C-alpha atoms as a PDB file:
ATOM      1  CA  MET A   1     109.688 159.166 100.669  1.00  0.00           C
ATOM      2  CA  ASN A   2     107.799 156.108 102.774  1.00  0.00           C
ATOM      3  CA  LYS A   3     109.417 152.460 102.116  1.00  0.00           C
ATOM      4  CA  TYR A   4     106.880 151.550  99.821  1.00  0.00           C
ATOM      5  CA  LEU A   5     107.960 154.529  97.456  1.00  0.00           C
ATOM      6  CA  TYR A   6     111.403 153.526  97.919  1.00  0.00           C
ATOM      7  CA  ALA A   7     111.265 149.772  96.952  1.00  0.00           C
ATOM      8  CA  MET A   8     109.732 151.525  93.133  1.00  0.00           C
ATOM      9  CA  ALA A   9     112.660 153.383  93.318  1.00  0.00           C
ATOM     10  CA  ILE A  10     114.743 149.941  93.917  1.00  0.00           C
ATOM     11  CA  ALA A  11     113.129 148.853  90.912  1.00  0.00           C
ATOM     12  CA  ALA A  12     113.644 151.813  88.593  1.00  0.00           C
ATOM     13  CA  LEU A  13     117.891 151.250  89.448  1.00  0.00           C
ATOM     14  CA  ILE A  14     117.327 148.107  88.006  1.00  0.00           C
ATOM     15  CA  LEU A  15     115.697 148.840  84.682  1.00  0.00           C
ATOM     16  CA  ALA A  16     118.042 152.144  83.944  1.00  0.00           C
ATOM     17  CA  GLY A  17     121.202 149.274  85.494  1.00  0.00           C
ATOM     18  CA  ALA A  18     119.887 146.973  82.258  1.00  0.00           C
ATOM     19  CA  ALA A  19     120.168 149.541  79.650  1.00  0.00           C
ATOM     20  CA  ALA A  20     123.066 151.837  78.541  1.00  0.00           C
ATOM     21  CA  LYS A  21     124.706 153.899  81.017  1.00  0.00           C
ATOM     22  CA  PRO A  22     126.504 157.295  81.435  1.00  0.00           C
ATOM     23  CA  ALA A  23     129.212 157.477  83.759  1.00  0.00           C
ATOM     24  CA  ALA A  24     127.940 156.870  87.109  1.00  0.00           C
ATOM     25  CA  ALA A  25     126.697 160.376  88.653  1.00  0.00           C
ATOM     26  CA  ASP A  26     126.919 159.787  92.700  1.00  0.00           C
ATOM     27  CA  ILE A  27     127.543 157.020  94.969  1.00  0.00           C
ATOM     28  CA  VAL A  28     124.372 155.277  94.948  1.00  0.00           C
ATOM     29  CA  THR A  29     124.920 154.776  90.892  1.00  0.00           C
ATOM     30  CA  ASP A  30     128.401 153.903  91.461  1.00  0.00           C
ATOM     31  CA  TRP A  31     127.051 151.044  94.013  1.00  0.00           C
ATOM     32  CA  ASN A  32     124.442 149.797  91.907  1.00  0.00           C
ATOM     33  CA  ASP A  33     126.482 149.315  89.076  1.00  0.00           C
ATOM     34  CA  ILE A  34     128.896 147.320  91.221  1.00  0.00           C
ATOM     35  CA  THR A  35     125.768 144.727  92.312  1.00  0.00           C
ATOM     36  CA  LEU A  36     125.086 144.510  88.843  1.00  0.00           C
ATOM     37  CA  ASN A  37     128.815 143.769  87.581  1.00  0.00           C
ATOM     38  CA  MET A  38     128.246 141.054  90.868  1.00  0.00           C
ATOM     39  CA  ILE A  39     124.900 139.827  89.222  1.00  0.00           C
ATOM     40  CA  THR A  40     126.227 139.347  85.481  1.00  0.00           C
ATOM     41  CA  ASN A  41     129.838 137.554  86.909  1.00  0.00           C
ATOM     42  CA  SER A  42     127.985 135.125  89.260  1.00  0.00           C
ATOM     43  CA  GLN A  43     125.163 134.494  86.193  1.00  0.00           C
ATOM     44  CA  GLN A  44     122.286 135.013  88.959  1.00  0.00           C
ATOM     45  CA  MET A  45     118.533 134.952  87.371  1.00  0.00           C
ATOM     46  CA  ALA A  46     116.575 138.000  87.333  1.00  0.00           C
ATOM     47  CA  ILE A  47     115.060 137.088  90.454  1.00  0.00           C
ATOM     48  CA  GLN A  48     118.072 136.392  92.422  1.00  0.00           C
ATOM     49  CA  ALA A  49     119.280 139.835  91.416  1.00  0.00           C
ATOM     50  CA  SER A  50     116.077 141.484  92.681  1.00  0.00           C
ATOM     51  CA  ARG A  51     117.049 140.499  95.942  1.00  0.00           C
ATOM     52  CA  ALA A  52     120.426 141.315  96.056  1.00  0.00           C
ATOM     53  CA  LEU A  53     119.669 144.938  94.498  1.00  0.00           C
ATOM     54  CA  ALA A  54     116.590 145.326  97.007  1.00  0.00           C
ATOM     55  CA  MET A  55     119.188 144.214 100.385  1.00  0.00           C
ATOM     56  CA  VAL A  56     122.205 146.866  98.650  1.00  0.00           C
ATOM     57  CA  HIS A  57     119.504 149.560  98.310  1.00  0.00           C
ATOM     58  CA  ALA A  58     117.905 149.339 101.507  1.00  0.00           C
ATOM     59  CA  ALA A  59     121.109 149.230 103.109  1.00  0.00           C
ATOM     60  CA  ILE A  60     122.444 152.763 101.207  1.00  0.00           C
ATOM     61  CA  TYR A  61     118.707 154.004 102.328  1.00  0.00           C
ATOM     62  CA  ASP A  62     118.657 153.040 106.438  1.00  0.00           C
ATOM     63  CA  ALA A  63     122.365 154.587 106.399  1.00  0.00           C
ATOM     64  CA  VAL A  64     121.869 157.366 104.513  1.00  0.00           C
ATOM     65  CA  ASN A  65     118.609 158.286 106.151  1.00  0.00           C
ATOM     66  CA  ALA A  66     120.120 157.303 109.529  1.00  0.00           C
ATOM     67  CA  VAL A  67     122.892 160.372 109.325  1.00  0.00           C
ATOM     68  CA  ASP A  68     119.705 162.963 109.852  1.00  0.00           C
ATOM     69  CA  ILE A  69     116.605 161.174 109.516  1.00  0.00           C
ATOM     70  CA  LYS A  70     114.015 162.390 107.526  1.00  0.00           C
ATOM     71  CA  HIS A  71     111.579 159.404 106.128  1.00  0.00           C
ATOM     72  CA  GLU A  72     110.523 156.240 107.422  1.00  0.00           C
ATOM     73  CA  VAL A  73     113.395 153.651 108.594  1.00  0.00           C
ATOM     74  CA  PHE A  74     112.791 150.735 106.153  1.00  0.00           C
ATOM     75  CA  HIS A  75     114.402 148.172 107.972  1.00  0.00           C
ATOM     76  CA  VAL A  76     117.463 148.855 110.196  1.00  0.00           C
ATOM     77  CA  ARG A  77     117.035 152.119 112.681  1.00  0.00           C
ATOM     78  CA  ALA A  78     120.645 153.397 113.765  1.00  0.00           C
ATOM     79  CA  THR A  79     121.606 156.492 115.972  1.00  0.00           C
ATOM     80  CA  PRO A  80     125.206 157.160 114.356  1.00  0.00           C
ATOM     81  CA  LEU A  81     127.990 159.528 116.062  1.00  0.00           C
ATOM     82  CA  ARG A  82     128.142 162.753 114.681  1.00  0.00           C
ATOM     83  CA  PRO A  83     129.070 164.050 112.373  1.00  0.00           C
ATOM     84  CA  CYS A  84     128.707 161.543 109.475  1.00  0.00           C
ATOM     85  CA  SER A  85     129.386 161.449 105.909  1.00  0.00           C
ATOM     86  CA  THR A  86     126.288 160.337 103.548  1.00  0.00           C
ATOM     87  CA  ASN A  87     128.768 159.134 100.717  1.00  0.00           C
ATOM     88  CA  ALA A  88     130.944 157.122 102.929  1.00  0.00           C
ATOM     89  CA  ALA A  89     128.083 155.193 104.827  1.00  0.00           C
ATOM     90  CA  ALA A  90     126.221 154.555 101.639  1.00  0.00           C
ATOM     91  CA  ALA A  91     129.317 153.099 100.306  1.00  0.00           C
ATOM     92  CA  ALA A  92     130.102 151.325 103.535  1.00  0.00           C
ATOM     93  CA  ALA A  93     126.665 149.608 103.775  1.00  0.00           C
ATOM     94  CA  ALA A  94     127.061 148.431  99.944  1.00  0.00           C
ATOM     95  CA  TYR A  95     129.879 147.154 100.517  1.00  0.00           C
ATOM     96  CA  THR A  96     129.132 145.054 103.667  1.00  0.00           C
ATOM     97  CA  VAL A  97     125.897 143.405 102.076  1.00  0.00           C
ATOM     98  CA  LEU A  98     127.878 142.822  98.687  1.00  0.00           C
ATOM     99  CA  ARG A  99     130.320 140.937 100.524  1.00  0.00           C
ATOM    100  CA  GLY A 100     128.470 139.116 102.519  1.00  0.00           C
ATOM    101  CA  LEU A 101     126.272 137.779  99.083  1.00  0.00           C
ATOM    102  CA  TYR A 102     129.785 137.357  97.000  1.00  0.00           C
ATOM    103  CA  THR A 103     132.124 135.563  99.180  1.00  0.00           C
ATOM    104  CA  ASN A 104     133.972 134.798  96.516  1.00  0.00           C
ATOM    105  CA  ALA A 105     134.685 138.414  94.999  1.00  0.00           C
ATOM    106  CA  THR A 106     136.277 140.093  97.857  1.00  0.00           C
ATOM    107  CA  ALA A 107     139.217 141.508  96.082  1.00  0.00           C
ATOM    108  CA  THR A 108     137.180 143.094  93.330  1.00  0.00           C
ATOM    109  CA  LEU A 109     134.608 144.149  95.907  1.00  0.00           C
ATOM    110  CA  TYR A 110     137.483 145.782  98.405  1.00  0.00           C
ATOM    111  CA  SER A 111     138.881 147.434  95.330  1.00  0.00           C
ATOM    112  CA  ALA A 112     135.398 149.304  94.672  1.00  0.00           C
ATOM    113  CA  TYR A 113     135.373 149.907  98.527  1.00  0.00           C
ATOM    114  CA  THR A 114     138.743 151.402  98.658  1.00  0.00           C
ATOM    115  CA  ASN A 115     138.220 153.999  95.723  1.00  0.00           C
ATOM    116  CA  SER A 116     134.656 154.664  96.964  1.00  0.00           C
ATOM    117  CA  LEU A 117     136.192 156.070 100.049  1.00  0.00           C
ATOM    118  CA  ALA A 118     139.265 157.918  98.581  1.00  0.00           C
ATOM    119  CA  ALA A 119     137.350 159.898  97.283  1.00  0.00           C
ATOM    120  CA  GLU A 120     136.074 161.025 100.486  1.00  0.00           C
ATOM    121  CA  PRO A 121     138.562 163.526 102.601  1.00  0.00           C
ATOM    122  CA  ASP A 122     140.049 161.705 105.771  1.00  0.00           C
ATOM    123  CA  SER A 123     138.177 162.874 108.633  1.00  0.00           C
ATOM    124  CA  THR A 124     135.835 162.309 111.850  1.00  0.00           C
ATOM    125  CA  ALA A 125     132.832 162.279 109.490  1.00  0.00           C
ATOM    126  CA  LYS A 126     134.062 159.859 107.305  1.00  0.00           C
ATOM    127  CA  SER A 127     135.324 157.120 109.690  1.00  0.00           C
ATOM    128  CA  ASN A 128     132.013 157.536 112.462  1.00  0.00           C
ATOM    129  CA  ALA A 129     130.334 156.540 108.571  1.00  0.00           C
ATOM    130  CA  VAL A 130     132.226 153.809 107.960  1.00  0.00           C
ATOM    131  CA  PHE A 131     130.994 152.319 111.412  1.00  0.00           C
ATOM    132  CA  LEU A 132     127.407 153.043 110.324  1.00  0.00           C
ATOM    133  CA  GLY A 133     127.524 152.238 107.183  1.00  0.00           C
ATOM    134  CA  GLN A 134     129.098 148.682 108.587  1.00  0.00           C
ATOM    135  CA  TYR A 135     126.823 148.357 111.002  1.00  0.00           C
ATOM    136  CA  VAL A 136     123.450 148.775 109.095  1.00  0.00           C
ATOM    137  CA  GLY A 137     124.731 146.286 106.304  1.00  0.00           C
ATOM    138  CA  GLY A 138     125.546 143.945 108.646  1.00  0.00           C
ATOM    139  CA  GLN A 139     121.667 144.175 109.958  1.00  0.00           C
ATOM    140  CA  ILE A 140     120.229 143.626 106.777  1.00  0.00           C
ATOM    141  CA  ILE A 141     122.536 140.419 106.148  1.00  0.00           C
ATOM    142  CA  LYS A 142     121.382 139.187 109.378  1.00  0.00           C
ATOM    143  CA  TRP A 143     117.975 139.760 108.509  1.00  0.00           C
ATOM    144  CA  ARG A 144     117.655 138.381 105.465  1.00  0.00           C
ATOM    145  CA  THR A 145     120.211 135.379 106.120  1.00  0.00           C
ATOM    146  CA  ASN A 146     117.183 132.662 106.316  1.00  0.00           C
ATOM    147  CA  ASP A 147     114.768 134.310 104.027  1.00  0.00           C
ATOM    148  CA  MET A 148     114.724 130.853 102.153  1.00  0.00           C
ATOM    149  CA  ALA A 149     116.475 132.109  99.723  1.00  0.00           C
ATOM    150  CA  MET A 150     119.082 129.554  99.485  1.00  0.00           C
ATOM    151  CA  MET A 151     116.428 126.761  99.470  1.00  0.00           C
ATOM    152  CA  ALA A 152     117.117 126.173  95.423  1.00  0.00           C
ATOM    153  CA  GLY A 153     117.271 122.868  94.261  1.00  0.00           C
ATOM    154  CA  MET A 154     116.830 121.183  98.035  1.00  0.00           C
ATOM    155  CA  ASN A 155     113.316 120.106  97.337  1.00  0.00           C
ATOM    156  CA  PRO A 156     113.247 119.982  93.456  1.00  0.00           C
ATOM    157  CA  TYR A 157     109.641 120.808  91.583  1.00  0.00           C
ATOM    158  CA  VAL A 158     108.107 117.260  90.783  1.00  0.00           C
ATOM    159  CA  PRO A 159     105.789 118.410  87.897  1.00  0.00           C
ATOM    160  CA  GLY A 160     101.917 116.521  88.279  1.00  0.00           C
ATOM    161  CA  THR A 161     100.453 113.846  85.753  1.00  0.00           C
ATOM    162  CA  ASN A 162      96.551 115.413  86.047  1.00  0.00           C
ATOM    163  CA  ALA A 163      95.306 117.305  83.966  1.00  0.00           C
ATOM    164  CA  GLY A 164      95.570 121.109  84.530  1.00  0.00           C
ATOM    165  CA  ASP A 165      99.104 120.811  86.616  1.00  0.00           C
ATOM    166  CA  TRP A 166     102.317 122.082  85.180  1.00  0.00           C
ATOM    167  CA  ARG A 167     104.247 120.348  83.331  1.00  0.00           C
ATOM    168  CA  PRO A 168     107.652 121.889  81.452  1.00  0.00           C
ATOM    169  CA  THR A 169     106.929 122.655  77.775  1.00  0.00           C
ATOM    170  CA  PRO A 170     108.550 123.232  74.639  1.00  0.00           C
ATOM    171  CA  PRO A 171     110.985 123.659  72.681  1.00  0.00           C
ATOM    172  CA  ASP A 172     113.343 122.998  75.592  1.00  0.00           C
ATOM    173  CA  TYR A 173     111.131 121.315  78.410  1.00  0.00           C
ATOM    174  CA  ARG A 174     113.063 123.089  81.236  1.00  0.00           C
ATOM    175  CA  ALA A 175     112.310 122.221  84.637  1.00  0.00           C
ATOM    176  CA  ALA A 176     110.455 124.937  87.088  1.00  0.00           C
ATOM    177  CA  MET A 177     112.727 127.570  87.579  1.00  0.00           C
ATOM    178  CA  MET A 178     113.218 127.992  91.400  1.00  0.00           C
ATOM    179  CA  PRO A 179     109.312 126.900  92.564  1.00  0.00           C
ATOM    180  CA  HIS A 180     110.490 127.703  96.159  1.00  0.00           C
ATOM    181  CA  TRP A 181     110.577 131.402  95.743  1.00  0.00           C
ATOM    182  CA  GLY A 182     107.147 131.972  96.639  1.00  0.00           C
ATOM    183  CA  THR A 183     108.114 131.339 100.194  1.00  0.00           C
ATOM    184  CA  LEU A 184     110.692 133.837 100.113  1.00  0.00           C
ATOM    185  CA  MET A 185     110.431 135.738 103.279  1.00  0.00           C
ATOM    186  CA  PRO A 186     109.298 139.466 101.594  1.00  0.00           C
ATOM    187  CA  PHE A 187     110.889 142.831 101.928  1.00  0.00           C
ATOM    188  CA  ALA A 188     107.815 144.627 102.411  1.00  0.00           C
ATOM    189  CA  MET A 189     104.925 142.787 102.431  1.00  0.00           C
ATOM    190  CA  ASN A 190     103.662 141.326 105.718  1.00  0.00           C
ATOM    191  CA  GLY A 191     103.335 138.079 103.985  1.00  0.00           C
ATOM    192  CA  SER A 192     103.588 136.591 101.014  1.00  0.00           C
ATOM    193  CA  SER A 193     100.140 135.664 100.676  1.00  0.00           C
ATOM    194  CA  GLN A 194      99.089 139.494 101.732  1.00  0.00           C
ATOM    195  CA  PHE A 195      97.871 139.996  97.695  1.00  0.00           C
ATOM    196  CA  ARG A 196      97.249 136.314  96.266  1.00  0.00           C
ATOM    197  CA  LEU A 197      95.732 136.339  93.180  1.00  0.00           C
ATOM    198  CA  PRO A 198      92.272 134.270  92.794  1.00  0.00           C
ATOM    199  CA  GLU A 199      92.536 130.708  91.705  1.00  0.00           C
ATOM    200  CA  PRO A 200      92.455 129.474  88.276  1.00  0.00           C
ATOM    201  CA  PRO A 201      88.730 128.830  87.234  1.00  0.00           C
ATOM    202  CA  ASP A 202      87.780 125.226  87.768  1.00  0.00           C
ATOM    203  CA  ILE A 203      88.863 122.893  84.656  1.00  0.00           C
ATOM    204  CA  THR A 204      85.771 121.672  83.966  1.00  0.00           C
ATOM    205  CA  GLY A 205      84.264 124.966  83.547  1.00  0.00           C
ATOM    206  CA  ALA A 206      83.485 127.296  80.325  1.00  0.00           C
ATOM    207  CA  ASP A 207      86.006 130.046  81.609  1.00  0.00           C
ATOM    208  CA  TYR A 208      88.671 127.298  81.584  1.00  0.00           C
ATOM    209  CA  ALA A 209      88.260 125.987  78.309  1.00  0.00           C
ATOM    210  CA  ALA A 210      88.135 129.898  76.572  1.00  0.00           C
ATOM    211  CA  ALA A 211      91.491 130.485  78.088  1.00  0.00           C
ATOM    212  CA  TYR A 212      92.627 126.764  76.681  1.00  0.00           C
ATOM    213  CA  ASP A 213      91.329 127.828  73.380  1.00  0.00           C
ATOM    214  CA  ALA A 214      92.969 131.087  73.350  1.00  0.00           C
ATOM    215  CA  VAL A 215      96.475 129.723  74.207  1.00  0.00           C
ATOM    216  CA  LYS A 216      95.894 127.314  71.576  1.00  0.00           C
ATOM    217  CA  VAL A 217      94.999 129.876  68.854  1.00  0.00           C
ATOM    218  CA  TYR A 218      97.718 131.878  69.646  1.00  0.00           C
ATOM    219  CA  SER A 219     100.393 128.921  69.978  1.00  0.00           C
ATOM    220  CA  ASN A 220      99.274 127.780  66.600  1.00  0.00           C
ATOM    221  CA  ASN A 221     100.845 131.107  65.291  1.00  0.00           C
ATOM    222  CA  VAL A 222     104.141 130.809  66.883  1.00  0.00           C
ATOM    223  CA  PRO A 223     107.464 129.536  65.290  1.00  0.00           C
ATOM    224  CA  TRP A 224     108.576 126.725  67.356  1.00  0.00           C
ATOM    225  CA  ALA A 225     112.236 125.364  67.240  1.00  0.00           C
ATOM    226  CA  ASP A 226     112.555 122.186  66.977  1.00  0.00           C
ATOM    227  CA  PRO A 227     114.550 121.028  70.095  1.00  0.00           C
ATOM    228  CA  ALA A 228     116.376 117.903  68.422  1.00  0.00           C
ATOM    229  CA  GLU A 229     117.997 121.041  66.240  1.00  0.00           C
END
């Protein structure tokens, strides 16, 4: 499995976590659920949630893969002491990332972490795996520390006033949601401009006029709520 296929697997876990779930089947789904709980309790938006989930699962993947490297390394190449417990490595990696992301939930996270480790019998493999997971998780945190995610609100987006500029829309006229996110350092792409979409059609052209008319026709059939109500 290469890292791009793993990124797709992360997306599948996100979708699975959003639906009603049966009891967790393994350590990965356990920590996926713990991450989702952290996201919910912190009231994070979807794009912020995607970053947290990607960091947790990248750490789990690299920690487990390091025990017996059979797949492409995602970001952290580690050579652990042998033997190592994959479950303990996964738990330690996930816990280390989440502890760095949700500093106001240390007690809850530590309780979940100790429960995960308690399921593994004490052994050299368990101790080695804890060190491995902590190292990998720490490297993931270090990698993403200056990835521009914390820029929210530092440079508020000021809507334009010219024709074609984005501006708040009905019914509640909300401000632009995290407009800085396009500057975030990607997880798997070489850069944010690697798959740049083409520019929108010229505002004076026929393609723009057709798109405008299509939106206008559609919006006429949308029962907008009165923001004053």
